[in-house]
């Protein structure tokens, strides 16, 4: 296994979105983070929070026992706007990681770290079906936007 650097967005992914407050914990994502950290992967948390709001997020992470190596910094400890990572998980991404269960994401990340191909199925998810759905969605999006 090759350890990866995995970056998780805080608001909306680790904590359910309740900006500027902090929502309830997303137990699936927190469980995923624990598994990845246990497996030796590095965890970065990125957030637009700063000052008092960042301290509140850090207290949340500590209270719920969320493992991470750094927050809003790269693995060398340098503050950055967007830290370098092998994988980014953000609730605002397309497709959102919230569309998949944590076990599926865990298997996908493990496969990347092991450099193996899991192109058939993972925990009952038929990846060819997912690809077909993504392609259908893309065609529909092009039709509704006039190809722009």
C-alpha atoms as a PDB file:
ATOM      1  CA  UNK A   1       0.000   0.000   0.000  1.00  0.00           C
ATOM      2  CA  UNK A   2       1.191   3.470  -0.897  1.00  0.00           C
ATOM      3  CA  UNK A   3       0.078   6.011   1.703  1.00  0.00           C
ATOM      4  CA  UNK A   4      -1.985   8.781   0.164  1.00  0.00           C
ATOM      5  CA  UNK A   5      -2.745  12.310   1.266  1.00  0.00           C
ATOM      6  CA  UNK A   6      -6.522  12.674   1.420  1.00  0.00           C
ATOM      7  CA  UNK A   7      -8.078  16.112   1.896  1.00  0.00           C
ATOM      8  CA  UNK A   8     -11.561  16.467   3.405  1.00  0.00           C
ATOM      9  CA  UNK A   9     -13.681  19.601   3.347  1.00  0.00           C
ATOM     10  CA  UNK A  10     -15.049  20.464   6.792  1.00  0.00           C
ATOM     11  CA  UNK A  11     -18.424  22.175   6.294  1.00  0.00           C
ATOM     12  CA  UNK A  12     -20.963  19.986   4.561  1.00  0.00           C
ATOM     13  CA  UNK A  13     -18.786  16.868   4.537  1.00  0.00           C
ATOM     14  CA  UNK A  14     -17.353  16.197   8.007  1.00  0.00           C
ATOM     15  CA  UNK A  15     -19.963  18.359   9.700  1.00  0.00           C
ATOM     16  CA  UNK A  16     -23.337  18.706   8.033  1.00  0.00           C
ATOM     17  CA  UNK A  17     -23.718  22.187   6.574  1.00  0.00           C
ATOM     18  CA  UNK A  18     -24.976  24.775   9.041  1.00  0.00           C
ATOM     19  CA  UNK A  19     -22.784  27.777   8.186  1.00  0.00           C
ATOM     20  CA  UNK A  20     -21.763  29.867  10.052  1.00  0.00           C
ATOM     21  CA  UNK A  21     -22.537  27.386  12.825  1.00  0.00           C
ATOM     22  CA  UNK A  22     -21.379  23.790  12.833  1.00  0.00           C
ATOM     23  CA  UNK A  23     -23.845  21.072  11.938  1.00  0.00           C
ATOM     24  CA  UNK A  24     -24.155  17.540  13.203  1.00  0.00           C
ATOM     25  CA  UNK A  25     -21.277  15.134  12.594  1.00  0.00           C
ATOM     26  CA  UNK A  26     -21.371  13.075   9.415  1.00  0.00           C
ATOM     27  CA  UNK A  27     -20.602   9.736  11.039  1.00  0.00           C
ATOM     28  CA  UNK A  28     -20.007   7.994   7.715  1.00  0.00           C
ATOM     29  CA  UNK A  29     -17.264  10.430   6.701  1.00  0.00           C
ATOM     30  CA  UNK A  30     -15.748  10.434  10.179  1.00  0.00           C
ATOM     31  CA  UNK A  31     -15.660   6.629  10.095  1.00  0.00           C
ATOM     32  CA  UNK A  32     -13.979   6.769   6.684  1.00  0.00           C
ATOM     33  CA  UNK A  33     -11.365   9.177   8.049  1.00  0.00           C
ATOM     34  CA  UNK A  34     -10.662   6.868  10.989  1.00  0.00           C
ATOM     35  CA  UNK A  35     -10.168   3.865   8.685  1.00  0.00           C
ATOM     36  CA  UNK A  36      -7.886   5.778   6.326  1.00  0.00           C
ATOM     37  CA  UNK A  37      -5.811   7.198   9.175  1.00  0.00           C
ATOM     38  CA  UNK A  38      -5.541   3.752  10.774  1.00  0.00           C
ATOM     39  CA  UNK A  39      -4.294   2.418   7.416  1.00  0.00           C
ATOM     40  CA  UNK A  40      -1.491   4.984   7.392  1.00  0.00           C
ATOM     41  CA  UNK A  41      -2.912   7.579   5.015  1.00  0.00           C
ATOM     42  CA  UNK A  42      -2.418  11.267   5.784  1.00  0.00           C
ATOM     43  CA  UNK A  43      -5.538  13.350   6.405  1.00  0.00           C
ATOM     44  CA  UNK A  44      -5.770  17.054   5.622  1.00  0.00           C
ATOM     45  CA  UNK A  45      -8.835  19.085   6.488  1.00  0.00           C
ATOM     46  CA  UNK A  46      -9.489  22.179   4.434  1.00  0.00           C
ATOM     47  CA  UNK A  47     -12.012  24.854   5.291  1.00  0.00           C
ATOM     48  CA  UNK A  48     -12.729  28.519   4.663  1.00  0.00           C
ATOM     49  CA  UNK A  49     -13.030  28.949   8.433  1.00  0.00           C
ATOM     50  CA  UNK A  50     -10.508  31.207  10.152  1.00  0.00           C
ATOM     51  CA  UNK A  51     -10.002  32.706  13.590  1.00  0.00           C
ATOM     52  CA  UNK A  52     -12.783  31.924  16.067  1.00  0.00           C
ATOM     53  CA  UNK A  53     -14.695  29.771  13.560  1.00  0.00           C
ATOM     54  CA  UNK A  54     -11.592  27.674  12.857  1.00  0.00           C
ATOM     55  CA  UNK A  55     -11.107  27.140  16.613  1.00  0.00           C
ATOM     56  CA  UNK A  56     -14.742  25.971  16.835  1.00  0.00           C
ATOM     57  CA  UNK A  57     -14.090  23.476  14.028  1.00  0.00           C
ATOM     58  CA  UNK A  58     -10.957  22.210  15.789  1.00  0.00           C
ATOM     59  CA  UNK A  59     -12.955  21.717  19.002  1.00  0.00           C
ATOM     60  CA  UNK A  60     -15.596  19.798  17.028  1.00  0.00           C
ATOM     61  CA  UNK A  61     -12.907  17.546  15.534  1.00  0.00           C
ATOM     62  CA  UNK A  62     -11.384  16.920  18.954  1.00  0.00           C
ATOM     63  CA  UNK A  63     -14.757  16.262  20.605  1.00  0.00           C
ATOM     64  CA  UNK A  64     -15.753  13.678  17.991  1.00  0.00           C
ATOM     65  CA  UNK A  65     -12.299  12.100  17.815  1.00  0.00           C
ATOM     66  CA  UNK A  66     -11.786  12.921  14.150  1.00  0.00           C
ATOM     67  CA  UNK A  67      -8.213  12.043  13.154  1.00  0.00           C
ATOM     68  CA  UNK A  68      -6.260  14.433  10.962  1.00  0.00           C
ATOM     69  CA  UNK A  69      -2.675  15.424  10.374  1.00  0.00           C
ATOM     70  CA  UNK A  70      -3.181  19.071   9.528  1.00  0.00           C
ATOM     71  CA  UNK A  71      -5.884  21.651   8.910  1.00  0.00           C
ATOM     72  CA  UNK A  72      -5.547  24.390   6.277  1.00  0.00           C
ATOM     73  CA  UNK A  73      -1.848  23.502   5.881  1.00  0.00           C
ATOM     74  CA  UNK A  74       0.074  21.224   3.584  1.00  0.00           C
ATOM     75  CA  UNK A  75       1.883  18.180   4.951  1.00  0.00           C
ATOM     76  CA  UNK A  76       4.988  20.328   5.534  1.00  0.00           C
ATOM     77  CA  UNK A  77       2.976  22.520   7.901  1.00  0.00           C
ATOM     78  CA  UNK A  78       2.854  25.515   5.570  1.00  0.00           C
ATOM     79  CA  UNK A  79      -0.424  27.469   5.541  1.00  0.00           C
ATOM     80  CA  UNK A  80      -2.051  27.243   2.119  1.00  0.00           C
ATOM     81  CA  UNK A  81      -5.338  28.167   0.513  1.00  0.00           C
ATOM     82  CA  UNK A  82      -5.667  24.736  -1.107  1.00  0.00           C
ATOM     83  CA  UNK A  83      -3.339  22.054   0.231  1.00  0.00           C
ATOM     84  CA  UNK A  84      -1.690  19.503  -2.063  1.00  0.00           C
ATOM     85  CA  UNK A  85      -3.475  16.178  -1.870  1.00  0.00           C
ATOM     86  CA  UNK A  86      -3.751  12.949  -3.829  1.00  0.00           C
ATOM     87  CA  UNK A  87      -7.535  12.965  -3.311  1.00  0.00           C
ATOM     88  CA  UNK A  88      -9.947  15.791  -2.472  1.00  0.00           C
ATOM     89  CA  UNK A  89     -13.348  15.077  -0.952  1.00  0.00           C
ATOM     90  CA  UNK A  90     -15.709  18.030  -0.970  1.00  0.00           C
ATOM     91  CA  UNK A  91     -19.510  18.056  -0.683  1.00  0.00           C
ATOM     92  CA  UNK A  92     -19.618  20.636  -3.484  1.00  0.00           C
ATOM     93  CA  UNK A  93     -17.737  18.435  -5.950  1.00  0.00           C
ATOM     94  CA  UNK A  94     -19.487  16.797  -8.891  1.00  0.00           C
ATOM     95  CA  UNK A  95     -20.253  14.043  -8.160  1.00  0.00           C
ATOM     96  CA  UNK A  96     -20.387  14.718  -4.451  1.00  0.00           C
ATOM     97  CA  UNK A  97     -18.813  12.098  -2.196  1.00  0.00           C
ATOM     98  CA  UNK A  98     -22.054  12.329  -0.217  1.00  0.00           C
ATOM     99  CA  UNK A  99     -23.709  10.417  -3.089  1.00  0.00           C
ATOM    100  CA  UNK A 100     -21.683   7.319  -2.145  1.00  0.00           C
ATOM    101  CA  UNK A 101     -21.543   5.393   1.098  1.00  0.00           C
ATOM    102  CA  UNK A 102     -18.368   5.561   3.167  1.00  0.00           C
ATOM    103  CA  UNK A 103     -17.517   1.876   2.582  1.00  0.00           C
ATOM    104  CA  UNK A 104     -17.539   2.409  -1.175  1.00  0.00           C
ATOM    105  CA  UNK A 105     -15.258   5.459  -0.864  1.00  0.00           C
ATOM    106  CA  UNK A 106     -12.934   3.531   1.449  1.00  0.00           C
ATOM    107  CA  UNK A 107     -12.562   0.729  -1.103  1.00  0.00           C
ATOM    108  CA  UNK A 108     -11.958   3.188  -3.935  1.00  0.00           C
ATOM    109  CA  UNK A 109      -9.248   5.000  -1.965  1.00  0.00           C
ATOM    110  CA  UNK A 110      -7.623   1.715  -0.911  1.00  0.00           C
ATOM    111  CA  UNK A 111      -7.577   0.590  -4.537  1.00  0.00           C
ATOM    112  CA  UNK A 112      -5.813   3.797  -5.542  1.00  0.00           C
ATOM    113  CA  UNK A 113      -3.220   3.346  -2.821  1.00  0.00           C
ATOM    114  CA  UNK A 114      -2.625  -0.262  -3.884  1.00  0.00           C
ATOM    115  CA  UNK A 115      -2.562   0.626  -7.603  1.00  0.00           C
ATOM    116  CA  UNK A 116      -5.103  -2.049  -8.398  1.00  0.00           C
ATOM    117  CA  UNK A 117      -8.030  -1.887 -10.788  1.00  0.00           C
ATOM    118  CA  UNK A 118     -11.475  -2.443  -9.312  1.00  0.00           C
ATOM    119  CA  UNK A 119     -13.329  -1.751 -12.540  1.00  0.00           C
ATOM    120  CA  UNK A 120     -15.955  -4.460 -12.041  1.00  0.00           C
ATOM    121  CA  UNK A 121     -17.726  -4.076  -8.701  1.00  0.00           C
ATOM    122  CA  UNK A 122     -17.109  -2.710  -5.215  1.00  0.00           C
ATOM    123  CA  UNK A 123     -19.482  -3.584  -2.406  1.00  0.00           C
ATOM    124  CA  UNK A 124     -22.326  -4.131  -4.855  1.00  0.00           C
ATOM    125  CA  UNK A 125     -21.701  -0.953  -6.845  1.00  0.00           C
ATOM    126  CA  UNK A 126     -21.440  -1.772 -10.535  1.00  0.00           C
ATOM    127  CA  UNK A 127     -18.955   0.804 -11.766  1.00  0.00           C
ATOM    128  CA  UNK A 128     -19.991   0.355 -15.396  1.00  0.00           C
ATOM    129  CA  UNK A 129     -23.527   1.365 -14.396  1.00  0.00           C
ATOM    130  CA  UNK A 130     -22.181   4.405 -12.554  1.00  0.00           C
ATOM    131  CA  UNK A 131     -20.181   5.352 -15.668  1.00  0.00           C
ATOM    132  CA  UNK A 132     -23.288   4.969 -17.865  1.00  0.00           C
ATOM    133  CA  UNK A 133     -25.300   7.144 -15.465  1.00  0.00           C
ATOM    134  CA  UNK A 134     -22.535   9.785 -15.487  1.00  0.00           C
ATOM    135  CA  UNK A 135     -22.440   9.770 -19.292  1.00  0.00           C
ATOM    136  CA  UNK A 136     -26.250  10.065 -19.502  1.00  0.00           C
ATOM    137  CA  UNK A 137     -26.183  12.956 -17.043  1.00  0.00           C
ATOM    138  CA  UNK A 138     -23.444  14.691 -19.066  1.00  0.00           C
ATOM    139  CA  UNK A 139     -25.451  14.355 -22.298  1.00  0.00           C
ATOM    140  CA  UNK A 140     -28.560  15.716 -20.572  1.00  0.00           C
ATOM    141  CA  UNK A 141     -26.564  18.636 -19.183  1.00  0.00           C
ATOM    142  CA  UNK A 142     -25.198  19.440 -22.639  1.00  0.00           C
ATOM    143  CA  UNK A 143     -28.687  19.354 -24.128  1.00  0.00           C
ATOM    144  CA  UNK A 144     -30.108  21.722 -21.516  1.00  0.00           C
ATOM    145  CA  UNK A 145     -27.224  24.180 -21.768  1.00  0.00           C
ATOM    146  CA  UNK A 146     -26.985  24.122 -25.544  1.00  0.00           C
ATOM    147  CA  UNK A 147     -23.535  22.506 -25.367  1.00  0.00           C
ATOM    148  CA  UNK A 148     -21.995  25.319 -23.341  1.00  0.00           C
END
